[in-house]
Protein backbone atom coordinates (compact mmCIF):
# COMPACT_ATOMS: atom_id res chain seq x y z
CA MET A 1 -54.32 53.91 36.01
CA ALA A 2 -51.69 54.55 33.41
CA LEU A 3 -51.97 57.51 31.09
CA CYS A 4 -51.53 55.22 28.09
CA ASN A 5 -54.65 53.24 29.12
CA LEU A 6 -56.63 56.45 29.31
CA ARG A 7 -55.38 57.50 25.86
CA ASN A 8 -56.35 54.08 24.48
CA TRP A 9 -59.90 54.53 25.78
CA GLN A 10 -60.05 58.01 24.27
CA ILE A 11 -59.11 56.56 20.88
CA ILE A 12 -61.64 53.75 21.24
CA ALA A 13 -64.33 56.29 22.21
CA CYS A 14 -63.62 58.31 19.06
CA MET A 15 -63.61 55.22 16.88
CA SER A 16 -66.83 53.88 18.39
CA ALA A 17 -68.68 56.97 17.19
CA ALA A 18 -67.33 56.53 13.69
CA PHE A 19 -67.00 52.83 12.90
CA LEU A 20 -69.13 49.80 13.64
CA PRO A 21 -66.78 46.85 14.20
CA SER A 22 -67.46 43.30 13.08
CA ARG A 23 -69.46 41.03 15.38
CA ASN A 24 -66.39 39.20 16.74
CA ILE A 25 -64.54 42.42 17.51
CA LEU A 26 -67.69 43.96 19.00
CA ARG A 27 -67.98 41.01 21.39
CA TYR A 28 -64.35 41.49 22.46
CA ILE A 29 -64.81 45.25 22.94
CA ARG A 30 -67.93 44.73 25.07
CA PHE A 31 -66.07 42.22 27.23
CA HIS A 32 -63.20 44.68 27.64
CA ILE A 33 -65.62 47.53 28.46
CA ASN A 34 -67.32 45.50 31.19
CA ARG A 35 -63.99 44.40 32.63
CA SER A 36 -62.56 47.92 32.67
CA VAL A 37 -65.65 49.42 34.29
CA SER A 38 -65.72 46.75 37.00
CA MET A 39 -61.97 46.91 37.69
CA TYR A 40 -61.64 50.71 37.64
CA PRO A 41 -64.96 52.26 38.72
CA ASP A 42 -65.12 56.02 39.23
CA THR A 43 -62.14 56.71 36.96
CA GLN A 44 -61.84 58.58 33.69
CA MET A 45 -61.06 55.29 32.00
CA ALA A 46 -64.38 53.80 33.19
CA LYS A 47 -66.27 56.86 31.99
CA TYR A 48 -64.73 56.61 28.51
CA ALA A 49 -65.56 52.88 28.50
CA GLU A 50 -69.19 53.65 29.40
CA TYR A 51 -69.34 56.31 26.70
CA THR A 52 -67.96 53.78 24.23
CA ALA A 53 -70.63 51.24 25.19
CA GLU A 54 -73.39 53.79 24.65
CA SER A 55 -71.84 55.00 21.43
CA LEU A 56 -71.63 51.48 20.01
CA LYS A 57 -75.37 51.07 20.59
CA ARG A 58 -76.07 54.17 18.49
CA THR A 59 -73.42 53.80 15.78
CA LYS A 60 -74.52 52.87 12.31
CA THR A 61 -72.36 52.40 9.24
CA ARG A 62 -70.89 55.70 8.07
CA GLU A 63 -69.90 56.75 4.59
CA PHE A 64 -67.23 59.19 5.72
CA VAL A 65 -64.64 59.24 8.47
CA PRO A 66 -65.34 61.61 11.39
CA CYS A 67 -64.20 65.16 10.92
CA ARG A 68 -61.67 66.81 13.18
CA ASP A 69 -64.42 68.78 14.95
CA GLU A 70 -66.26 65.58 15.91
CA ILE A 71 -63.11 64.09 17.42
CA ILE A 72 -62.27 67.29 19.31
CA TYR A 73 -65.84 67.48 20.62
CA ILE A 74 -65.63 63.97 22.09
CA MET A 75 -62.28 64.73 23.73
CA VAL A 76 -63.33 68.13 25.13
CA MET A 77 -66.82 67.05 26.14
CA TYR A 78 -65.58 64.13 28.18
CA ASN A 79 -62.71 66.02 29.76
CA ASP A 80 -65.20 68.67 30.91
CA TYR A 81 -67.73 66.03 32.01
CA ILE A 82 -65.23 64.10 34.10
């Protein structure tokens, strides 16, 4: 697993808590989540993908972008969890 792939999933995890993508993009993201989890089980990348999937189920449209504290919480929480 490349570090850049992990960083990409961290960014997607942060964005999934803040923005609800369009239906077409959401379909692509879900496909990519399922593929990443099945190809790389028991990795940090799979855990971020699973978090993203759960986050997308809960995310509603937001009026404001996430604050710095929200982004740091996601990064720290998952690094401690994994």
